[in-house]
Amino acid sequence: MSRWLALLLALLGAFALPTQAAPQSSFERGLEAYRRGDYAAARELWQATLAEELDTLGRARVYYDLGNAHWRLGATLPAIACFTAAVRLDPRHDQAWQNLELARAKASLPPADAGDLGATLERLLNRLRPDERRTLLFAALVLWAVVLVLEIRAGGAVWRAALFAATLLVVGAALPWAHGQFARARRQPLLVIATGGVALRGEPLEARAPVGELAALEEVERLDALPGWVRVQRDDGTRGWVRAENVFALQL
C-alpha cells in the first residue's frame, strides 16, 4: 500500500505546476546589466535602488557600483559624486577610495586625501562608522564605571592608575564620536556635477541674472525644488536656484 502511495505522490509531483522564482531586485538586475556591458541600464537600476530602504553599508555598495557605471559611461563628475558618497557611508571601503582618487586625478582635481597632517587626522577620526563610534564610547564608559567602583571599594595606587587609564580611554573614544556629532552635516547635500561654472539664480528662470556661480563638485544644501530646478544654499549662506541636471543628491 505504501508503494502505491509513494507512486501516486511521485505522479502528482511530476504534474505539479513549477514554482515561480522570486523576482530579482533592482540591484541584482543592475549587476546583470553591468556584466553584459549595458552600463546605462545598470545606472538607471542602481539609481532606483537608492530609493529603497537600505542600511549604511548597503547604500555605500550601491553608490560604489553606481559610480563605476557612471565611470564606464564617461561621466567623470557623477562618478566622483558617487564614490564620495560611498566613502562617507563606509570610510573603510578601500576600492571606493581608490576609484575616487583615480577619478579626481582624471578630472585634474586635487586628491580627496591631501596626505598632510590635517587630512590624516580627519581620516582617522572618520575611520569608524557611526554605530561603531557609539559602541566604542559606550564600552569605554562601562569600563570606566567598573574601574571607578573598584577604585572606590578597594583604593590603592594600582586602582587609581587604572582609573586614570580608563579616563584616558574614554577621552580617546569620545573624540571620533564628538567629531561625528559636531561636524557640519547637511540634511540634503548635493554635489555640483557640471564642468565649469554653474549659474546660481535668484529665481528659477534662465532669464534672471545670476547671484553667484557654483564650482564643479562644490557641495551645497538642498532647500526646495521645482520641476527642473533646485533651490540650494552655499556654505557662505547664499541661496539660489540651479538647474536640476547640474547637481547630484547624496543620500547619506
Protein backbone atom coordinates (compact mmCIF):
# COMPACT_ATOMS: atom_id res chain seq x y z
CA MET A 1 0.00 0.00 0.00
CA SER A 2 2.81 2.35 0.88
CA ARG A 3 4.43 1.64 -2.51
CA TRP A 4 1.25 2.68 -4.34
CA LEU A 5 1.01 5.81 -2.18
CA ALA A 6 4.61 6.73 -2.99
CA LEU A 7 3.94 6.22 -6.71
CA LEU A 8 0.85 8.43 -6.53
CA LEU A 9 2.77 11.20 -4.79
CA ALA A 10 5.53 10.97 -7.40
CA LEU A 11 3.00 11.34 -10.22
CA LEU A 12 1.37 14.31 -8.54
CA GLY A 13 4.78 15.93 -8.11
CA ALA A 14 5.59 15.40 -11.78
CA PHE A 15 2.45 17.20 -12.90
CA ALA A 16 2.56 19.95 -10.27
CA LEU A 17 2.97 23.47 -11.54
CA PRO A 18 6.57 24.70 -11.22
CA THR A 19 7.11 27.31 -8.54
CA GLN A 20 7.99 30.75 -9.82
CA ALA A 21 11.39 32.12 -8.91
CA ALA A 22 11.43 35.18 -6.70
CA PRO A 23 11.64 38.37 -8.76
CA GLN A 24 15.08 39.89 -8.90
CA SER A 25 15.73 43.13 -7.09
CA SER A 26 16.70 46.26 -9.00
CA PHE A 27 20.21 45.88 -7.59
CA GLU A 28 20.58 42.33 -8.93
CA ARG A 29 19.19 43.34 -12.32
CA GLY A 30 21.69 46.18 -12.31
CA LEU A 31 24.51 43.69 -11.72
CA GLU A 32 23.37 41.60 -14.67
CA ALA A 33 23.14 44.67 -16.90
CA TYR A 34 26.63 45.78 -15.85
CA ARG A 35 28.11 42.35 -16.54
CA ARG A 36 26.71 42.30 -20.08
CA GLY A 37 28.06 45.80 -20.71
CA ASP A 38 24.76 47.71 -20.58
CA TYR A 39 26.08 50.41 -18.27
CA ALA A 40 23.23 52.83 -18.95
CA ALA A 41 20.66 50.25 -17.80
CA ALA A 42 22.78 49.44 -14.74
CA ARG A 43 22.95 53.11 -13.88
CA GLU A 44 19.17 53.52 -14.02
CA LEU A 45 18.55 50.37 -11.99
CA TRP A 46 21.03 51.30 -9.27
CA GLN A 47 19.65 54.83 -9.16
CA ALA A 48 16.27 53.25 -8.46
CA THR A 49 17.84 51.04 -5.78
CA LEU A 50 18.90 54.15 -3.85
CA ALA A 51 15.21 55.00 -3.36
CA GLU A 52 14.73 51.72 -1.44
CA GLU A 53 15.27 51.04 2.26
CA LEU A 54 18.98 50.28 2.65
CA ASP A 55 21.35 50.03 5.57
CA THR A 56 24.50 52.15 5.61
CA LEU A 57 26.83 49.54 4.11
CA GLY A 58 24.26 48.51 1.51
CA ARG A 59 23.84 52.10 0.38
CA ALA A 60 27.62 52.51 0.22
CA ARG A 61 27.87 49.46 -2.05
CA VAL A 62 25.15 50.77 -4.38
CA TYR A 63 26.88 54.15 -4.62
CA TYR A 64 30.18 52.41 -5.39
CA ASP A 65 28.63 50.34 -8.17
CA LEU A 66 26.72 53.34 -9.49
CA GLY A 67 29.98 55.28 -9.61
CA ASN A 68 31.53 52.51 -11.69
CA ALA A 69 28.59 52.66 -14.12
CA HIS A 70 29.00 56.44 -14.48
CA TRP A 71 32.73 55.97 -14.99
CA ARG A 72 32.16 53.42 -17.76
CA LEU A 73 29.80 55.89 -19.45
CA GLY A 74 32.43 58.64 -19.34
CA ALA A 75 30.57 60.73 -16.73
CA THR A 76 33.55 61.56 -14.51
CA LEU A 77 31.97 64.11 -12.17
CA PRO A 78 28.88 61.97 -11.37
CA ALA A 79 31.28 59.07 -10.73
CA ILE A 80 33.25 61.23 -8.31
CA ALA A 81 30.00 62.20 -6.55
CA CYS A 82 29.05 58.52 -6.14
CA PHE A 83 32.47 57.47 -4.86
CA THR A 84 32.39 60.42 -2.43
CA ALA A 85 29.07 59.21 -1.05
CA ALA A 86 30.43 55.65 -0.79
CA VAL A 87 33.45 56.62 1.33
CA ARG A 88 31.35 58.85 3.56
CA LEU A 89 28.99 55.99 4.27
CA ASP A 90 31.77 53.40 4.57
CA PRO A 91 35.12 55.06 5.36
CA ARG A 92 36.90 51.69 5.11
CA HIS A 93 35.77 50.99 1.54
CA ASP A 94 39.28 50.89 0.07
CA GLN A 95 38.15 50.27 -3.52
CA ALA A 96 35.86 53.30 -3.38
CA TRP A 97 38.76 55.40 -2.08
CA GLN A 98 41.00 54.17 -4.92
CA ASN A 99 38.37 54.89 -7.56
CA LEU A 100 37.63 58.29 -6.03
CA GLU A 101 41.28 59.34 -6.23
CA LEU A 102 41.63 57.95 -9.77
CA ALA A 103 38.54 59.81 -10.97
CA ARG A 104 39.64 63.06 -9.32
CA ALA A 105 43.07 62.75 -10.94
CA LYS A 106 41.45 62.25 -14.34
CA ALA A 107 39.38 65.39 -13.78
CA SER A 108 42.57 67.32 -12.82
CA LEU A 109 41.24 67.82 -9.29
CA PRO A 110 43.28 67.67 -6.08
CA PRO A 111 43.14 64.35 -4.22
CA ALA A 112 40.36 63.81 -1.70
CA ASP A 113 43.01 62.79 0.84
CA ALA A 114 45.66 65.51 0.75
CA GLY A 115 48.06 63.35 2.78
CA ASP A 116 49.02 66.13 5.21
CA LEU A 117 48.61 66.01 8.99
CA GLY A 118 45.14 67.56 8.94
CA ALA A 119 43.86 65.17 6.28
CA THR A 120 45.37 62.18 8.09
CA LEU A 121 43.73 63.20 11.37
CA GLU A 122 40.42 63.75 9.60
CA ARG A 123 40.56 60.32 8.02
CA LEU A 124 41.46 58.65 11.33
CA LEU A 125 38.53 60.32 13.06
CA ASN A 126 36.22 59.22 10.25
CA ARG A 127 37.60 55.69 10.10
CA LEU A 128 34.87 54.35 12.35
CA ARG A 129 31.26 54.15 11.21
CA PRO A 130 28.61 55.97 13.30
CA ASP A 131 27.38 52.78 15.02
CA GLU A 132 30.96 51.76 15.79
CA ARG A 133 31.69 55.16 17.36
CA ARG A 134 28.71 54.82 19.67
CA THR A 135 29.62 51.26 20.61
CA LEU A 136 33.23 52.19 21.35
CA LEU A 137 32.23 55.12 23.54
CA PHE A 138 29.63 53.04 25.40
CA ALA A 139 32.14 50.26 26.08
CA ALA A 140 34.72 52.76 27.32
CA LEU A 141 32.17 54.35 29.67
CA VAL A 142 31.13 50.96 31.06
CA LEU A 143 34.77 50.04 31.68
CA TRP A 144 35.39 53.39 33.35
CA ALA A 145 32.37 52.92 35.63
CA VAL A 146 33.53 49.43 36.65
CA VAL A 147 37.04 50.65 37.42
CA LEU A 148 35.62 53.61 39.35
CA VAL A 149 33.54 51.32 41.57
CA LEU A 150 36.55 49.07 42.20
CA GLU A 151 38.77 52.04 42.98
CA ILE A 152 36.23 53.39 45.49
CA ARG A 153 35.88 50.00 47.19
CA ALA A 154 39.50 48.83 47.13
CA GLY A 155 41.52 52.03 46.82
CA GLY A 156 45.25 51.97 46.38
CA ALA A 157 47.71 53.24 43.83
CA VAL A 158 47.03 50.43 41.36
CA TRP A 159 43.33 51.19 41.06
CA ARG A 160 43.98 54.94 40.89
CA ALA A 161 46.32 54.30 37.96
CA ALA A 162 43.73 52.04 36.35
CA LEU A 163 41.08 54.73 36.76
CA PHE A 164 43.38 57.28 35.13
CA ALA A 165 43.99 54.93 32.20
CA ALA A 166 40.25 54.25 31.85
CA THR A 167 39.61 58.00 31.83
CA LEU A 168 42.11 58.45 29.01
CA LEU A 169 40.38 55.64 27.14
CA VAL A 170 37.03 57.42 27.48
CA VAL A 171 38.54 60.64 26.15
CA GLY A 172 40.06 58.78 23.20
CA ALA A 173 36.76 57.03 22.43
CA ALA A 174 34.85 60.31 22.71
CA LEU A 175 36.97 62.07 20.08
CA PRO A 176 35.62 60.26 16.97
CA TRP A 177 32.08 60.34 18.41
CA ALA A 178 32.25 64.08 19.11
CA HIS A 179 33.78 64.71 15.70
CA GLY A 180 30.88 62.93 14.05
CA GLN A 181 28.33 64.76 16.21
CA PHE A 182 29.64 68.26 15.73
CA ALA A 183 30.96 68.04 12.17
CA ARG A 184 28.73 70.09 9.88
CA ALA A 185 26.30 67.71 8.22
CA ARG A 186 23.83 68.91 5.63
CA ARG A 187 20.37 67.43 5.75
CA GLN A 188 20.17 67.01 1.97
CA PRO A 189 23.64 67.54 0.48
CA LEU A 190 24.14 67.99 -3.25
CA LEU A 191 27.30 68.00 -5.34
CA VAL A 192 27.66 70.09 -8.47
CA ILE A 193 28.40 67.69 -11.33
CA ALA A 194 28.64 70.15 -14.23
CA THR A 195 32.02 71.14 -15.59
CA GLY A 196 32.84 74.82 -15.41
CA GLY A 197 30.76 77.34 -13.52
CA VAL A 198 27.07 76.75 -12.80
CA ALA A 199 24.90 79.84 -12.54
CA LEU A 200 23.12 80.35 -9.21
CA ARG A 201 19.98 82.39 -9.92
CA GLY A 202 17.69 84.31 -7.60
CA GLU A 203 14.62 82.73 -9.20
CA PRO A 204 14.05 79.51 -11.16
CA LEU A 205 14.21 81.29 -14.50
CA GLU A 206 17.02 81.36 -17.06
CA ALA A 207 16.24 84.99 -17.77
CA ARG A 208 17.13 86.08 -14.23
CA ALA A 209 20.62 87.42 -13.61
CA PRO A 210 22.90 85.07 -11.63
CA VAL A 211 23.52 85.85 -7.97
CA GLY A 212 26.61 83.65 -7.92
CA GLU A 213 28.42 80.80 -9.58
CA LEU A 214 28.96 77.26 -8.28
CA ALA A 215 32.20 75.40 -8.95
CA ALA A 216 32.42 71.79 -10.09
CA LEU A 217 31.95 69.38 -7.15
CA GLU A 218 31.03 72.20 -4.79
CA GLU A 219 28.79 70.85 -2.04
CA VAL A 220 25.56 72.70 -1.31
CA GLU A 221 22.40 72.02 0.69
CA ARG A 222 19.06 71.34 -0.97
CA LEU A 223 16.30 73.62 0.31
CA ASP A 224 13.46 73.24 -2.17
CA ALA A 225 12.68 72.00 -5.66
CA LEU A 226 10.52 72.82 -8.66
CA PRO A 227 10.28 70.94 -11.96
CA GLY A 228 13.75 71.18 -13.49
CA TRP A 229 15.12 73.40 -10.71
CA VAL A 230 16.57 73.00 -7.21
CA ARG A 231 16.94 75.73 -4.58
CA VAL A 232 20.24 75.41 -2.72
CA GLN A 233 22.32 77.12 -0.07
CA ARG A 234 26.09 77.56 -0.18
CA ASP A 235 28.49 77.44 2.78
CA ASP A 236 28.50 81.25 2.96
CA GLY A 237 24.69 81.33 3.28
CA THR A 238 23.99 82.43 -0.30
CA ARG A 239 20.78 80.92 -1.63
CA GLY A 240 19.60 80.49 -5.17
CA TRP A 241 18.26 78.19 -7.87
CA VAL A 242 20.22 75.86 -10.15
CA ARG A 243 19.16 73.52 -12.93
CA ALA A 244 18.41 70.07 -11.50
CA GLU A 245 20.64 68.26 -14.01
CA ASN A 246 23.67 70.16 -12.68
CA VAL A 247 23.55 68.68 -9.16
CA PHE A 248 23.73 65.18 -7.70
CA ALA A 249 21.94 64.21 -4.47
CA LEU A 250 24.00 62.42 -1.80
CA GLN A 251 21.52 60.22 0.05
CA LEU A 252 23.56 59.70 3.22
